Amino acid sequence: MKATTTKRLSGFLLMIILITTASGQVSIGSPGLNSTIECPAVPVFTAPTASSACGGVSVN
């Protein structure tokens, strides 16, 4: 992601996703299809999903 201010300063944002489990593996669902959005359309996102053989998985 790139952020730019009116003063022409720019920077990059790095998002790190950390997944931890006591045992077993976590499966992350499909991110959905790529799409092109033109103004003034509102983007629609696929909700994230996760599952684990241990149970108790939540996506926040």
Protein backbone atom coordinates (compact mmCIF):
# COMPACT_ATOMS: atom_id res chain seq x y z
CA MET A 1 0.00 0.00 0.00
CA LYS A 2 1.31 3.47 -0.78
CA ALA A 3 0.27 6.59 1.12
CA THR A 4 0.86 10.11 -0.18
CA THR A 5 0.23 13.47 1.50
CA THR A 6 -0.41 16.88 -0.07
CA LYS A 7 3.23 17.75 0.76
CA ARG A 8 4.40 15.08 -1.69
CA LEU A 9 5.84 12.88 1.02
CA SER A 10 5.28 9.20 0.47
CA GLY A 11 5.79 5.97 2.32
CA PHE A 12 4.79 2.34 2.28
CA LEU A 13 2.66 0.34 4.74
CA LEU A 14 3.57 -3.28 5.39
CA MET A 15 0.90 -5.62 6.74
CA ILE A 16 2.10 -8.73 8.54
CA ILE A 17 -0.33 -11.54 9.28
CA LEU A 18 0.76 -13.80 12.13
CA ILE A 19 -0.94 -17.15 12.63
CA THR A 20 -0.18 -19.23 15.70
CA THR A 21 -1.63 -22.54 16.89
CA ALA A 22 -0.94 -24.84 19.79
CA SER A 23 -0.92 -27.79 17.39
CA GLY A 24 -2.18 -28.66 13.94
CA GLN A 25 -2.43 -26.41 10.93
CA VAL A 26 -4.63 -23.46 10.06
CA SER A 27 -6.21 -23.27 6.61
CA ILE A 28 -6.88 -19.82 5.16
CA GLY A 29 -9.78 -19.44 2.69
CA SER A 30 -9.55 -18.14 -0.87
CA PRO A 31 -9.16 -14.35 -1.22
CA GLY A 32 -11.74 -14.14 -4.04
CA LEU A 33 -11.34 -13.04 -7.64
CA ASN A 34 -9.45 -9.99 -8.91
CA SER A 35 -11.69 -7.23 -10.18
CA THR A 36 -11.51 -3.73 -11.64
CA ILE A 37 -13.47 -0.97 -9.92
CA GLU A 38 -14.26 2.35 -11.55
CA CYS A 39 -15.40 5.48 -9.71
CA PRO A 40 -17.92 5.96 -8.18
CA ALA A 41 -18.51 2.19 -7.71
CA VAL A 42 -18.15 0.74 -4.22
CA PRO A 43 -15.75 -2.24 -3.92
CA VAL A 44 -17.07 -5.57 -2.67
CA PHE A 45 -14.68 -7.81 -0.73
CA THR A 46 -14.74 -11.54 0.03
CA ALA A 47 -14.88 -12.03 3.80
CA PRO A 48 -11.78 -13.85 5.15
CA THR A 49 -12.20 -17.37 6.51
CA ALA A 50 -9.97 -19.76 8.46
CA SER A 51 -10.31 -23.28 9.82
CA SER A 52 -8.27 -25.59 12.02
CA ALA A 53 -8.43 -29.24 13.04
CA CYS A 54 -8.10 -27.96 16.63
CA GLY A 55 -11.22 -25.73 16.35
CA GLY A 56 -11.65 -22.29 17.86
CA VAL A 57 -10.36 -20.30 14.88
CA SER A 58 -11.47 -16.67 14.58
CA VAL A 59 -10.72 -14.01 11.96
CA ASN A 60 -10.59 -10.43 13.25
